[in-house]
Every structure is written in C-alpha cells, then in structure tokens.
Amino acid sequence: MSNSHPSNVLEHLLPDASDLPGLGPQRRPGAWPLARVNQRAADCVRGTALLSATKELIRGTLLLWHDHLDAAHAIAQAVEDADGSLLHAIMHRREPDYWNSKYWFRRVGKHPCYPAIAANASALLKPEHPKLASRLISNGVWDPFAFVDACEKAASTGTAGTEVCILQEIQRLEFESFLAHLSSSSKP
C-alpha cells in the first residue's frame, strides 16, 4: 500500500464488521494477533504524509479494535493531545474503568470526529431506538459520557442481545469516525 493517500487508509484498517469488538476487555476469536495488527497498520500508513504521532494513533486504534488494550494504552499515553486522549478514553471504557474513561473524555473536549459519530449514530438509532438516540445525541451533538454510561449499564445489568449489539455498532461508528479523522489529519 505504499504511496497511499491518507483518505484511502481507512478502508484497509478495519476488517469485516461482522466480528465487532466487545464493549469490555474480552478477547474475541476473530481478533488479529499483535504482529498482524502491527504489520497491517504499518502497511496502511507507509508512504503517507501523516505525522508519526498520527500513524501511531492509527496503529493504537487498530490495536484496540483487535482487543490489545495494553498496547493501545501505551500509545495513547504517549500522545498528549485530544486525539491521544480520545484513544485513551475509549481504551479505559473497554477496560472497564468508566470513571477514568470519563476523565479522558473531559480532556478530549469537543473532538472533530464527534459530529460524524452523532450523525451516523443518529441514522442507526432513530428508526428503532429513539430513546437511546436521545440519550446519546442531544440537538445533534454526540455525548461520549452518555455512551460510557450506556456501556456501563449494559455491563452491570448483564444486558445481552440487541442492546449490546447496538452499542457495539455505535462503538464501530466511533472507531470509523476516529480513523477517518486521523487519516485525513494535516497538522503542521
């Protein structure tokens, strides 16, 4: 994939959405081994003009997608900006360390990928899940704290089935929106 344009990076990073990561730390059978994740991430960003920190965040996001929470955490800790804080927050939500996740979401502030998450989650939820949509998206604005609460509630009540699947779909939208933001970033 050398000489790829950053906007083409996204389509090569996340595998088939039929095997979504869980909301918690569990490792699923379809998750890639660490070496494969690292190789795919390197292949996808090779030849791009992305900053090295952005390339690392893309790798960290892919690591988190494939349930390598510790490796993703190490990357998130090394990048001290809103993007690093967002990866950090998502990782702690999955850990699960909900309070710490909210701490990192506070450090994120209003992230540039939130409008895309709000729009995509709204389209997913409104037809059949209007109550959840209204909790997570207020006046078109994504509420990452409400999403942490929804994930925590699902974990604490042992919720299964449709609700967990919907939350996993929203988490997929979050990953995709974040990767789209990273792959198109052009910071000086």
Protein backbone atom coordinates (compact mmCIF):
# COMPACT_ATOMS: atom_id res chain seq x y z
CA MET A 1 0.00 0.00 0.00
CA SER A 2 2.89 2.40 -0.26
CA ASN A 3 2.17 5.86 -1.60
CA SER A 4 -1.42 5.65 -0.40
CA HIS A 5 -3.26 8.84 0.14
CA PRO A 6 -4.37 9.24 3.77
CA SER A 7 -8.06 9.16 2.79
CA ASN A 8 -7.53 5.65 1.39
CA VAL A 9 -6.05 4.41 4.66
CA LEU A 10 -9.37 3.90 6.45
CA GLU A 11 -10.81 1.30 4.09
CA HIS A 12 -7.85 -1.01 4.73
CA LEU A 13 -7.76 -0.84 8.52
CA LEU A 14 -10.91 -2.36 9.93
CA PRO A 15 -11.84 -5.87 8.87
CA ASP A 16 -15.32 -7.16 8.26
CA ALA A 17 -17.79 -5.59 10.67
CA SER A 18 -19.39 -8.97 11.36
CA ASP A 19 -16.83 -9.54 14.13
CA LEU A 20 -17.13 -6.41 16.25
CA PRO A 21 -15.04 -5.85 19.36
CA GLY A 22 -16.84 -6.29 22.64
CA LEU A 23 -17.69 -3.41 24.92
CA GLY A 24 -15.33 -4.81 27.53
CA PRO A 25 -11.79 -6.19 27.59
CA GLN A 26 -12.59 -9.72 26.44
CA ARG A 27 -10.52 -11.04 23.55
CA ARG A 28 -12.68 -12.42 20.78
CA PRO A 29 -11.72 -15.29 18.48
CA GLY A 30 -11.67 -13.08 15.35
CA ALA A 31 -9.19 -10.57 16.78
CA TRP A 32 -5.87 -10.47 14.98
CA PRO A 33 -2.62 -11.31 16.73
CA LEU A 34 -0.39 -8.41 17.68
CA ALA A 35 2.12 -8.99 14.86
CA ARG A 36 -0.61 -8.93 12.20
CA VAL A 37 -2.11 -5.73 13.59
CA ASN A 38 1.28 -4.02 13.63
CA GLN A 39 2.06 -5.14 10.08
CA ARG A 40 -1.34 -4.03 8.72
CA ALA A 41 -1.02 -0.65 10.41
CA ALA A 42 2.50 -0.16 9.03
CA ASP A 43 1.39 -1.16 5.53
CA CYS A 44 -1.56 1.21 5.59
CA VAL A 45 0.37 4.32 6.59
CA ARG A 46 3.54 3.67 4.62
CA GLY A 47 4.11 6.40 2.06
CA THR A 48 1.57 8.80 3.57
CA ALA A 49 2.38 12.31 4.72
CA LEU A 50 0.84 11.67 8.14
CA LEU A 51 2.80 12.73 11.21
CA SER A 52 4.44 9.91 13.16
CA ALA A 53 2.16 10.54 16.16
CA THR A 54 -0.87 10.20 13.88
CA LYS A 55 0.49 6.97 12.44
CA GLU A 56 0.94 5.68 15.98
CA LEU A 57 -2.63 6.64 16.89
CA ILE A 58 -3.90 4.77 13.84
CA ARG A 59 -1.92 1.74 15.00
CA GLY A 60 -3.24 2.21 18.55
CA THR A 61 -6.82 2.36 17.28
CA LEU A 62 -6.33 -0.81 15.28
CA LEU A 63 -4.74 -2.48 18.33
CA LEU A 64 -7.75 -1.52 20.42
CA TRP A 65 -10.13 -2.80 17.72
CA HIS A 66 -8.34 -6.16 17.95
CA ASP A 67 -8.51 -6.29 21.76
CA HIS A 68 -4.87 -5.41 22.52
CA LEU A 69 -5.79 -2.94 25.26
CA ASP A 70 -2.37 -2.73 26.92
CA ALA A 71 -0.56 -1.98 23.65
CA ALA A 72 -3.19 0.63 22.71
CA HIS A 73 -2.87 2.17 26.16
CA ALA A 74 0.89 2.61 25.78
CA ILE A 75 0.35 4.53 22.54
CA ALA A 76 -2.46 6.67 23.97
CA GLN A 77 -0.29 7.66 26.94
CA ALA A 78 2.50 8.81 24.62
CA VAL A 79 0.34 11.23 22.60
CA GLU A 80 -0.67 14.22 24.71
CA ASP A 81 -3.35 15.89 22.63
CA ALA A 82 -7.10 15.49 22.02
CA ASP A 83 -6.53 12.53 19.68
CA GLY A 84 -4.38 10.69 22.22
CA SER A 85 -6.92 11.48 24.93
CA LEU A 86 -9.75 10.10 22.79
CA LEU A 87 -7.95 6.80 22.24
CA HIS A 88 -7.14 6.76 25.96
CA ALA A 89 -10.81 7.33 26.87
CA ILE A 90 -12.09 4.57 24.59
CA MET A 91 -9.47 2.15 25.92
CA HIS A 92 -10.46 2.83 29.54
CA ARG A 93 -14.15 2.44 28.68
CA ARG A 94 -13.40 -1.03 27.33
CA GLU A 95 -11.09 -1.91 30.24
CA PRO A 96 -13.66 -1.23 32.01
CA ASP A 97 -12.64 1.76 34.08
CA TYR A 98 -15.62 4.04 33.45
CA TRP A 99 -14.58 6.87 35.78
CA ASN A 100 -11.14 7.03 34.17
CA SER A 101 -12.71 6.91 30.72
CA LYS A 102 -14.80 9.97 31.57
CA TYR A 103 -11.69 11.73 32.89
CA TRP A 104 -10.02 11.27 29.49
CA PHE A 105 -13.17 12.27 27.61
CA ARG A 106 -13.13 15.53 29.61
CA ARG A 107 -9.57 16.06 28.40
CA VAL A 108 -10.68 15.48 24.81
CA GLY A 109 -13.11 18.39 24.76
CA LYS A 110 -15.16 18.75 21.58
CA HIS A 111 -13.38 16.40 19.22
CA PRO A 112 -13.61 16.94 15.44
CA CYS A 113 -14.93 13.39 14.90
CA TYR A 114 -17.94 13.87 17.21
CA PRO A 115 -20.22 15.36 14.52
CA ALA A 116 -19.68 12.29 12.32
CA ILE A 117 -20.33 9.96 15.25
CA ALA A 118 -23.52 11.88 16.09
CA ALA A 119 -24.79 11.81 12.51
CA ASN A 120 -24.01 8.14 11.94
CA ALA A 121 -25.29 7.01 15.33
CA SER A 122 -28.46 9.04 14.85
CA ALA A 123 -29.10 7.37 11.50
CA LEU A 124 -28.52 3.96 13.09
CA LEU A 125 -30.65 4.55 16.20
CA LYS A 126 -33.58 6.79 15.37
CA PRO A 127 -35.72 4.33 13.45
CA GLU A 128 -35.84 1.65 16.16
CA HIS A 129 -34.10 3.05 19.25
CA PRO A 130 -35.28 6.66 19.70
CA LYS A 131 -34.79 6.68 23.49
CA LEU A 132 -31.17 5.62 23.23
CA ALA A 133 -30.67 8.14 20.41
CA SER A 134 -32.00 10.94 22.61
CA ARG A 135 -29.68 9.93 25.47
CA LEU A 136 -26.56 9.76 23.29
CA ILE A 137 -27.24 12.62 20.89
CA SER A 138 -28.73 15.89 22.10
CA ASN A 139 -29.51 18.55 19.49
CA GLY A 140 -27.22 16.76 17.04
CA VAL A 141 -24.29 16.71 19.50
CA TRP A 142 -22.57 13.45 20.45
CA ASP A 143 -22.36 12.82 24.20
CA PRO A 144 -19.43 10.45 24.89
CA PHE A 145 -20.25 10.48 28.63
CA ALA A 146 -23.75 9.15 27.95
CA PHE A 147 -22.19 6.42 25.80
CA VAL A 148 -19.86 5.46 28.67
CA ASP A 149 -22.94 5.31 30.93
CA ALA A 150 -24.81 3.11 28.42
CA CYS A 151 -21.86 0.72 28.21
CA GLU A 152 -21.53 0.63 32.00
CA LYS A 153 -25.25 -0.04 32.40
CA ALA A 154 -25.11 -2.86 29.86
CA ALA A 155 -22.16 -4.42 31.72
CA SER A 156 -23.65 -4.02 35.21
CA THR A 157 -27.06 -5.40 34.30
CA GLY A 158 -25.69 -8.23 32.19
CA THR A 159 -27.66 -6.88 29.25
CA ALA A 160 -27.41 -9.15 26.26
CA GLY A 161 -28.74 -9.41 22.78
CA THR A 162 -29.98 -6.46 20.78
CA GLU A 163 -28.93 -3.65 23.13
CA VAL A 164 -25.32 -4.84 23.36
CA CYS A 165 -25.22 -5.34 19.58
CA ILE A 166 -26.47 -1.77 19.06
CA LEU A 167 -23.83 -0.43 21.48
CA GLN A 168 -21.16 -2.42 19.63
CA GLU A 169 -22.38 -0.92 16.34
CA ILE A 170 -22.10 2.56 17.83
CA GLN A 171 -18.60 1.73 19.06
CA ARG A 172 -17.77 0.66 15.46
CA LEU A 173 -19.00 4.06 14.24
CA GLU A 174 -16.79 5.71 16.86
CA PHE A 175 -13.73 3.77 15.65
CA GLU A 176 -14.51 4.51 11.99
CA SER A 177 -15.06 8.23 12.62
CA PHE A 178 -11.86 8.49 14.64
CA LEU A 179 -9.84 6.68 11.97
CA ALA A 180 -11.34 8.88 9.25
CA HIS A 181 -10.32 11.94 11.26
CA LEU A 182 -6.79 10.60 11.80
CA SER A 183 -6.28 9.52 8.21
CA SER A 184 -7.25 12.95 6.93
CA SER A 185 -5.40 14.99 9.53
CA SER A 186 -2.93 17.51 8.25
CA LYS A 187 -1.46 19.16 11.31
CA PRO A 188 1.61 21.34 10.75
